[in-house]
Amino acid sequence: MDHTAGQFQALRDLARSQDLRPRALSALVLGCVVVYAGPTPFAGLVLVVAILMSWEWGRVVRGASFDLSFLVHAAAVAVAAVLAAKGSLTLALAAVVIGATIVWLLCFGFNERLSAVGVLYAGVPAVALIWLRADEPYGLPAALFLLLIVWTTDTFAYLGGRLIGGPKLWPSISPNKTWSGLASGVAASAVLGAVFAAFVTDAAPANLAFSALVLALVAQAGDLSESALKRRFGVKDASALIPGHGGILDRVDGVVSAVTA
């Protein structure tokens, strides 16, 4: 009985958790945008998020909010997003590469590699998401599937880690992540993938479950990579754009890695 009572108390604590609420709210808001907005409004949202990511990347890597490198970074991402929305995928990716090259030259001698990587980190996923959503009639279910898997992985990894606990996954990089959390997130995503197949014509549950499992692992790897970046520069959060809960980079790291996989 004591163990059961402890589990119920843990569940009540999680329900009131200040960390769980923004996860659920962001998932609900973005899910509604994907479902009810067409490809063009979705592309506009992605563009805004990508520019905010560019700003946060400069803050973390260079300690600068607004400098010439940020302007080039943001401009390259914006041009790439617009080109992707117009269907020019090759030109969009070329804009990202050109932007990364210019930023590398501008920052030469001062974290030039990571500054250039930031252009790719914000630009390539933005192009991929816009291109994916615009692929009618499959764009809507594909984008929704991707985002649902990332959110499910993130949420159940958090829940599993809090309720089960156990050995840490990589304490030097992310002290709060556990192996039980990883297993919970991946398992929940695989189940969701199988269930999602029921809403997609001619989709095989086993195939979508496997795809979900792979995306879940990639999303968690992306989360760890962003944590490693912040650790390197001694930063807890990418910014304070989401008061008390960090920045955009802290919330979309899983999506960034999953959509580029």
Protein backbone atom coordinates (compact mmCIF):
# COMPACT_ATOMS: atom_id res chain seq x y z
CA MET A 1 0.00 0.00 0.00
CA ASP A 2 2.84 2.39 0.84
CA HIS A 3 4.38 1.86 -2.59
CA THR A 4 1.03 2.45 -4.31
CA ALA A 5 0.44 5.60 -2.26
CA GLY A 6 3.89 6.81 -3.22
CA GLN A 7 3.15 6.28 -6.89
CA PHE A 8 -0.13 8.18 -6.65
CA GLN A 9 1.65 11.02 -4.88
CA ALA A 10 4.27 11.07 -7.61
CA LEU A 11 1.53 11.25 -10.24
CA ARG A 12 -0.12 14.15 -8.40
CA ASP A 13 3.21 15.95 -8.21
CA LEU A 14 3.75 15.43 -11.93
CA ALA A 15 0.29 16.77 -12.72
CA ARG A 16 1.21 19.97 -10.87
CA SER A 17 4.73 20.07 -12.27
CA GLN A 18 5.87 23.42 -13.65
CA ASP A 19 7.90 21.54 -16.27
CA LEU A 20 5.11 19.32 -17.58
CA ARG A 21 2.66 22.14 -18.25
CA PRO A 22 4.68 23.96 -20.94
CA ARG A 23 5.36 20.63 -22.65
CA ALA A 24 1.66 19.86 -22.87
CA LEU A 25 0.70 23.42 -23.83
CA SER A 26 3.31 23.74 -26.56
CA ALA A 27 2.26 20.36 -27.98
CA LEU A 28 -1.40 21.42 -28.01
CA VAL A 29 -0.75 24.79 -29.65
CA LEU A 30 1.60 23.50 -32.33
CA GLY A 31 -0.63 20.48 -32.96
CA CYS A 32 -3.57 22.80 -33.63
CA VAL A 33 -1.43 24.88 -36.01
CA VAL A 34 -0.38 21.80 -37.97
CA VAL A 35 -3.92 20.47 -38.22
CA TYR A 36 -5.88 23.65 -38.89
CA ALA A 37 -3.36 25.85 -40.70
CA GLY A 38 -2.46 25.30 -44.30
CA PRO A 39 1.09 24.97 -45.63
CA THR A 40 1.62 28.74 -45.95
CA PRO A 41 0.68 29.72 -42.35
CA PHE A 42 2.68 26.73 -41.14
CA ALA A 43 5.69 27.95 -43.12
CA GLY A 44 5.29 31.36 -41.52
CA LEU A 45 5.34 29.83 -38.05
CA VAL A 46 8.42 27.77 -38.89
CA LEU A 47 10.15 30.91 -40.20
CA VAL A 48 9.51 32.82 -36.96
CA VAL A 49 10.72 29.91 -34.82
CA ALA A 50 13.85 29.47 -36.97
CA ILE A 51 14.80 33.14 -36.64
CA LEU A 52 14.36 32.97 -32.86
CA MET A 53 16.55 29.87 -32.86
CA SER A 54 19.18 31.82 -34.80
CA TRP A 55 19.14 34.56 -32.19
CA GLU A 56 19.45 32.09 -29.33
CA TRP A 57 22.30 30.25 -31.04
CA GLY A 58 24.31 33.47 -31.23
CA ARG A 59 23.67 34.14 -27.53
CA VAL A 60 24.90 30.68 -26.54
CA VAL A 61 27.88 30.31 -28.88
CA ARG A 62 29.13 33.91 -29.19
CA GLY A 63 27.51 35.59 -26.21
CA ALA A 64 26.03 38.15 -28.59
CA SER A 65 22.36 38.87 -29.08
CA PHE A 66 22.56 41.09 -32.17
CA ASP A 67 25.69 41.15 -34.27
CA LEU A 68 26.49 40.97 -37.97
CA SER A 69 26.70 37.18 -37.83
CA PHE A 70 23.18 37.00 -36.44
CA LEU A 71 21.87 39.21 -39.23
CA VAL A 72 23.44 36.94 -41.85
CA HIS A 73 22.25 33.86 -39.96
CA ALA A 74 18.67 35.12 -39.78
CA ALA A 75 18.67 36.36 -43.38
CA ALA A 76 19.88 33.02 -44.71
CA VAL A 77 17.24 31.15 -42.72
CA ALA A 78 14.50 33.54 -43.85
CA VAL A 79 15.47 33.26 -47.52
CA ALA A 80 15.65 29.48 -47.24
CA ALA A 81 12.21 29.29 -45.61
CA VAL A 82 10.61 31.47 -48.29
CA LEU A 83 12.23 29.46 -51.08
CA ALA A 84 11.10 26.20 -49.46
CA ALA A 85 7.54 27.53 -49.20
CA LYS A 86 7.66 28.30 -52.91
CA GLY A 87 8.83 24.77 -53.68
CA SER A 88 12.46 25.59 -54.51
CA LEU A 89 14.06 23.01 -52.24
CA THR A 90 17.51 23.03 -53.88
CA LEU A 91 17.78 26.82 -53.78
CA ALA A 92 16.58 26.83 -50.17
CA LEU A 93 19.34 24.45 -49.09
CA ALA A 94 21.86 26.44 -51.13
CA ALA A 95 20.84 29.59 -49.22
CA VAL A 96 21.52 27.80 -45.94
CA VAL A 97 24.95 26.62 -47.07
CA ILE A 98 25.90 30.08 -48.36
CA GLY A 99 24.74 31.64 -45.11
CA ALA A 100 26.78 29.14 -43.07
CA THR A 101 29.87 29.89 -45.16
CA ILE A 102 29.53 33.65 -44.69
CA VAL A 103 29.02 33.28 -40.94
CA TRP A 104 32.08 31.03 -40.75
CA LEU A 105 34.16 33.75 -42.42
CA LEU A 106 32.72 36.53 -40.25
CA CYS A 107 33.46 34.62 -37.04
CA PHE A 108 36.84 33.25 -38.09
CA GLY A 109 38.98 32.81 -35.00
CA PHE A 110 36.05 32.98 -32.58
CA ASN A 111 33.87 29.85 -32.52
CA GLU A 112 33.52 30.04 -36.28
CA ARG A 113 32.66 26.36 -36.70
CA LEU A 114 29.82 26.31 -34.20
CA SER A 115 28.56 29.67 -35.45
CA ALA A 116 28.36 28.23 -38.97
CA VAL A 117 26.77 25.02 -37.71
CA GLY A 118 24.05 27.18 -36.15
CA VAL A 119 22.91 28.29 -39.61
CA LEU A 120 22.54 24.67 -40.63
CA TYR A 121 20.90 23.79 -37.31
CA ALA A 122 18.14 26.36 -37.80
CA GLY A 123 17.93 26.39 -41.59
CA VAL A 124 17.91 22.74 -42.64
CA PRO A 125 15.12 21.63 -40.26
CA ALA A 126 13.06 24.70 -41.25
CA VAL A 127 13.37 23.78 -44.92
CA ALA A 128 12.61 20.12 -44.18
CA LEU A 129 9.49 20.90 -42.12
CA ILE A 130 8.10 23.33 -44.68
CA TRP A 131 8.77 20.90 -47.51
CA LEU A 132 7.21 18.02 -45.56
CA ARG A 133 4.02 19.94 -44.70
CA ALA A 134 3.60 21.19 -48.27
CA ASP A 135 3.60 17.65 -49.72
CA GLU A 136 -0.15 17.32 -50.18
CA PRO A 137 -2.09 15.15 -49.50
CA TYR A 138 0.48 13.43 -47.30
CA GLY A 139 2.04 16.52 -45.74
CA LEU A 140 -0.48 16.94 -42.95
CA PRO A 141 -0.35 13.36 -41.58
CA ALA A 142 3.44 13.20 -42.06
CA ALA A 143 4.10 16.45 -40.17
CA LEU A 144 1.59 15.54 -37.48
CA PHE A 145 3.15 12.08 -37.08
CA LEU A 146 6.63 13.54 -36.70
CA LEU A 147 5.60 16.12 -34.11
CA LEU A 148 3.45 13.67 -32.15
CA ILE A 149 6.33 11.21 -31.92
CA VAL A 150 8.73 13.87 -30.66
CA TRP A 151 6.24 15.17 -28.09
CA THR A 152 5.34 11.67 -26.95
CA THR A 153 9.00 10.73 -26.55
CA ASP A 154 9.75 13.89 -24.61
CA THR A 155 6.71 13.61 -22.34
CA PHE A 156 6.99 9.92 -21.53
CA ALA A 157 10.75 10.14 -21.07
CA TYR A 158 10.08 12.83 -18.48
CA LEU A 159 7.29 10.82 -16.83
CA GLY A 160 9.25 7.56 -16.86
CA GLY A 161 12.32 9.22 -15.42
CA ARG A 162 10.35 10.83 -12.61
CA LEU A 163 8.22 7.79 -11.73
CA ILE A 164 10.74 4.98 -12.25
CA GLY A 165 14.10 6.67 -11.80
CA GLY A 166 17.19 4.51 -11.84
CA PRO A 167 20.59 4.89 -13.51
CA LYS A 168 21.34 8.15 -15.29
CA LEU A 169 21.62 8.10 -19.06
CA TRP A 170 24.52 10.56 -19.41
CA PRO A 171 24.94 12.50 -16.16
CA SER A 172 27.84 14.65 -17.34
CA ILE A 173 25.68 16.03 -20.15
CA SER A 174 22.12 15.86 -18.82
CA PRO A 175 21.92 15.04 -15.10
CA ASN A 176 18.15 14.47 -15.09
CA LYS A 177 17.84 11.97 -17.93
CA THR A 178 17.60 8.28 -17.04
CA TRP A 179 17.67 4.99 -18.92
CA SER A 180 14.15 4.30 -17.67
CA GLY A 181 13.03 7.62 -19.14
CA LEU A 182 14.59 6.79 -22.48
CA ALA A 183 12.93 3.36 -22.54
CA SER A 184 9.57 4.85 -21.54
CA GLY A 185 9.72 7.50 -24.24
CA VAL A 186 10.75 5.10 -26.99
CA ALA A 187 8.17 2.47 -25.99
CA ALA A 188 5.35 5.02 -25.84
CA SER A 189 6.32 6.39 -29.25
CA ALA A 190 6.34 2.92 -30.81
CA VAL A 191 2.85 2.28 -29.46
CA LEU A 192 1.66 5.63 -30.79
CA GLY A 193 3.15 4.80 -34.18
CA ALA A 194 1.20 1.57 -34.35
CA VAL A 195 -2.01 3.34 -33.33
CA PHE A 196 -1.42 6.15 -35.82
CA ALA A 197 -1.46 3.59 -38.63
CA ALA A 198 -5.19 3.13 -38.05
CA PHE A 199 -5.74 6.69 -39.30
CA VAL A 200 -3.56 6.42 -42.41
CA THR A 201 -4.74 4.59 -45.50
CA ASP A 202 -2.77 1.41 -46.29
CA ALA A 203 -0.29 2.03 -43.47
CA ALA A 204 1.23 -1.00 -41.73
CA PRO A 205 1.23 -0.69 -37.91
CA ALA A 206 4.58 -2.51 -37.64
CA ASN A 207 6.23 -0.14 -40.11
CA LEU A 208 4.98 3.00 -38.40
CA ALA A 209 5.87 1.58 -34.99
CA PHE A 210 9.43 0.97 -36.17
CA SER A 211 9.63 4.42 -37.75
CA ALA A 212 8.38 5.95 -34.51
CA LEU A 213 10.97 4.01 -32.51
CA VAL A 214 13.81 5.29 -34.70
CA LEU A 215 12.50 8.88 -34.61
CA ALA A 216 12.21 8.67 -30.82
CA LEU A 217 15.85 7.63 -30.48
CA VAL A 218 16.96 10.39 -32.86
CA ALA A 219 14.89 12.96 -30.96
CA GLN A 220 16.50 11.98 -27.67
CA ALA A 221 19.94 12.18 -29.28
CA GLY A 222 19.09 15.69 -30.42
CA ASP A 223 18.03 16.62 -26.91
CA LEU A 224 21.35 15.38 -25.54
CA SER A 225 23.30 17.24 -28.24
CA GLU A 226 21.65 20.54 -27.33
CA SER A 227 22.38 19.86 -23.66
CA ALA A 228 26.03 19.21 -24.54
CA LEU A 229 26.20 22.53 -26.40
CA LYS A 230 24.86 24.43 -23.40
CA ARG A 231 27.21 22.57 -21.06
CA ARG A 232 30.19 23.55 -23.19
CA PHE A 233 29.35 27.23 -22.86
CA GLY A 234 28.14 27.06 -19.27
CA VAL A 235 24.58 28.04 -20.16
CA LYS A 236 21.53 26.62 -18.40
CA ASP A 237 18.91 27.83 -20.91
CA ALA A 238 19.26 29.09 -24.47
CA SER A 239 17.25 32.20 -23.50
CA ALA A 240 14.36 33.33 -21.34
CA LEU A 241 11.83 33.66 -24.15
CA ILE A 242 9.62 31.17 -22.30
CA PRO A 243 9.74 32.59 -18.76
CA GLY A 244 10.89 29.96 -16.29
CA HIS A 245 11.25 27.31 -18.96
CA GLY A 246 14.14 28.38 -21.17
CA GLY A 247 14.13 29.21 -24.85
CA ILE A 248 13.05 27.92 -28.23
CA LEU A 249 16.18 25.80 -28.66
CA ASP A 250 15.37 24.07 -25.38
CA ARG A 251 11.93 23.04 -26.69
CA VAL A 252 12.52 22.10 -30.32
CA ASP A 253 15.81 20.16 -30.12
CA GLY A 254 14.01 16.85 -30.63
CA VAL A 255 12.06 18.15 -33.63
CA VAL A 256 15.22 19.54 -35.20
CA SER A 257 17.00 16.18 -35.09
CA ALA A 258 13.96 14.08 -36.03
CA VAL A 259 12.96 16.09 -39.10
CA THR A 260 16.51 16.00 -40.49
CA ALA A 261 16.98 12.26 -39.87
